[in-house]
Amino acid sequence: MQIDMNQSGFGQSDNSFQAAGGEAGITELVAHFYRVMSEAPEGAHIRSMHPKDITVTADKLALFLCGWLGGPRLFNAKYGPISIPGVHSHLVVNEPERDAWLFCMRQALGEMDYTDEFKAYLLTALGVPAERIRSVACD
């Protein structure tokens, strides 16, 4: 589904945060995401790039997404400022890793009761930092 990123209303104010179900919805999305990463063969390599216990990792992603989607800046309050490419600079992230991460997120989004328009918006929006991480890792 193609959406007009400028006309959707997502990405403005806290519209995306609300569409994601607030902190509870984002936490659920992240749980699905890491479950897919742990279970799907497509996620095996990127799962191996994470610690065995992903409790803190999942918390960080959920809190980051809250602020990134226009909600409260919970990540900053708990963990301090973040540079997404910088945090991932120790990893080898090429196209296969980027695509595997996006695959896992696409599958997780499929399990959420979000509108198709929001799912498409979020996957497209998440592609931007995913590509930035890949391009920084390749520099």
Protein backbone atom coordinates (compact mmCIF):
# COMPACT_ATOMS: atom_id res chain seq x y z
CA MET A 1 0.00 0.00 0.00
CA GLN A 2 1.42 3.36 -1.03
CA ILE A 3 0.60 6.35 1.11
CA ASP A 4 1.31 10.02 0.78
CA MET A 5 3.61 10.68 3.73
CA ASN A 6 2.62 14.35 3.75
CA GLN A 7 -1.14 13.78 3.64
CA SER A 8 -1.52 10.92 6.10
CA GLY A 9 -1.37 13.05 9.24
CA PHE A 10 1.16 10.63 10.68
CA GLY A 11 4.44 12.19 11.70
CA GLN A 12 2.64 15.31 12.91
CA SER A 13 2.27 16.10 16.59
CA ASP A 14 1.61 12.84 18.43
CA ASN A 15 -0.57 11.31 15.69
CA SER A 16 1.80 8.39 15.06
CA PHE A 17 2.25 7.72 18.78
CA GLN A 18 -1.54 7.61 19.20
CA ALA A 19 -2.02 5.44 16.08
CA ALA A 20 0.53 2.99 17.53
CA GLY A 21 -1.54 2.64 20.70
CA GLY A 22 0.67 4.79 22.89
CA GLU A 23 3.37 3.23 25.04
CA ALA A 24 1.39 -0.01 25.54
CA GLY A 25 0.87 -0.50 21.80
CA ILE A 26 4.51 0.23 21.02
CA THR A 27 5.67 -2.17 23.73
CA GLU A 28 3.45 -4.87 22.20
CA LEU A 29 4.83 -4.14 18.72
CA VAL A 30 8.40 -4.45 20.02
CA ALA A 31 7.57 -7.76 21.73
CA HIS A 32 6.21 -9.12 18.44
CA PHE A 33 9.27 -7.76 16.62
CA TYR A 34 11.79 -9.54 18.83
CA ARG A 35 9.72 -12.74 18.84
CA VAL A 36 9.73 -12.73 15.02
CA MET A 37 13.45 -12.00 15.04
CA SER A 38 14.01 -14.97 17.38
CA GLU A 39 11.76 -17.40 15.50
CA ALA A 40 11.94 -16.55 11.79
CA PRO A 41 14.89 -17.88 9.81
CA GLU A 42 15.08 -14.45 8.14
CA GLY A 43 15.86 -12.89 11.52
CA ALA A 44 18.47 -15.36 12.76
CA HIS A 45 21.53 -13.37 11.72
CA ILE A 46 20.36 -10.05 13.16
CA ARG A 47 19.14 -11.80 16.32
CA SER A 48 22.70 -13.07 16.78
CA MET A 49 23.85 -9.44 16.80
CA HIS A 50 21.81 -8.84 19.99
CA PRO A 51 22.46 -10.00 23.56
CA LYS A 52 20.93 -13.32 24.58
CA ASP A 53 18.67 -11.53 27.09
CA ILE A 54 16.93 -8.80 25.10
CA THR A 55 15.00 -7.31 28.01
CA VAL A 56 16.99 -4.06 28.05
CA THR A 57 17.28 -3.99 24.25
CA ALA A 58 13.51 -4.30 23.86
CA ASP A 59 12.93 -1.65 26.51
CA LYS A 60 15.29 0.71 24.71
CA LEU A 61 13.59 0.18 21.34
CA ALA A 62 10.10 0.65 22.81
CA LEU A 63 11.06 3.82 24.69
CA PHE A 64 12.92 5.18 21.67
CA LEU A 65 9.92 4.56 19.40
CA CYS A 66 7.62 6.35 21.85
CA GLY A 67 9.55 9.60 21.38
CA TRP A 68 10.35 9.02 17.72
CA LEU A 69 6.64 8.64 17.00
CA GLY A 70 5.82 11.94 18.69
CA GLY A 71 5.05 10.73 22.19
CA PRO A 72 6.97 11.35 25.40
CA ARG A 73 10.75 11.15 25.19
CA LEU A 74 10.96 8.21 27.53
CA PHE A 75 14.27 6.92 26.14
CA ASN A 76 16.02 10.21 26.88
CA ALA A 77 14.59 10.30 30.39
CA LYS A 78 15.79 6.78 31.20
CA TYR A 79 18.91 6.26 29.07
CA GLY A 80 19.99 9.73 27.93
CA PRO A 81 20.44 11.10 24.41
CA ILE A 82 20.89 8.71 21.50
CA SER A 83 22.41 8.70 18.04
CA ILE A 84 20.87 5.78 16.18
CA PRO A 85 23.75 5.35 13.71
CA GLY A 86 26.30 5.82 16.49
CA VAL A 87 24.73 3.17 18.72
CA HIS A 88 24.92 0.68 15.86
CA SER A 89 28.37 1.68 14.58
CA HIS A 90 30.04 -1.41 16.10
CA LEU A 91 27.86 -3.70 13.97
CA VAL A 92 28.26 -4.77 10.36
CA VAL A 93 25.00 -3.64 8.81
CA ASN A 94 24.72 -4.13 5.09
CA GLU A 95 21.66 -4.51 2.90
CA PRO A 96 20.85 -8.06 4.10
CA GLU A 97 20.88 -6.97 7.77
CA ARG A 98 18.82 -3.86 7.02
CA ASP A 99 16.35 -5.91 5.02
CA ALA A 100 16.13 -8.61 7.72
CA TRP A 101 15.39 -5.96 10.36
CA LEU A 102 12.65 -4.49 8.16
CA PHE A 103 11.30 -7.98 7.46
CA CYS A 104 10.94 -8.63 11.19
CA MET A 105 9.23 -5.28 11.68
CA ARG A 106 6.88 -5.94 8.75
CA GLN A 107 5.89 -9.27 10.28
CA ALA A 108 5.41 -7.68 13.71
CA LEU A 109 3.27 -4.93 12.21
CA GLY A 110 1.14 -7.62 10.59
CA GLU A 111 0.27 -8.88 14.05
CA MET A 112 -0.87 -5.47 15.27
CA ASP A 113 -4.38 -4.07 15.04
CA TYR A 114 -3.18 -0.95 13.22
CA THR A 115 -4.74 0.45 10.09
CA ASP A 116 -3.09 -0.61 6.85
CA GLU A 117 -2.27 3.05 6.23
CA PHE A 118 -0.40 3.34 9.53
CA LYS A 119 1.44 0.05 8.97
CA ALA A 120 2.61 1.29 5.55
CA TYR A 121 3.58 4.67 6.97
CA LEU A 122 5.53 3.17 9.86
CA LEU A 123 7.41 0.66 7.72
CA THR A 124 8.35 3.41 5.26
CA ALA A 125 9.36 5.76 8.07
CA LEU A 126 11.47 3.07 9.78
CA GLY A 127 13.22 2.45 6.49
CA VAL A 128 14.92 5.85 6.83
CA PRO A 129 16.91 5.15 10.02
CA ALA A 130 17.46 1.55 8.89
CA GLU A 131 19.10 2.83 5.72
CA ARG A 132 21.06 5.45 7.64
CA ILE A 133 22.47 2.75 9.93
CA ARG A 134 23.43 0.71 6.87
CA SER A 135 25.07 3.64 5.10
CA VAL A 136 27.05 4.67 8.20
CA ALA A 137 28.21 1.10 8.72
CA CYS A 138 29.46 1.03 5.12
CA ASP A 139 31.30 4.37 5.27
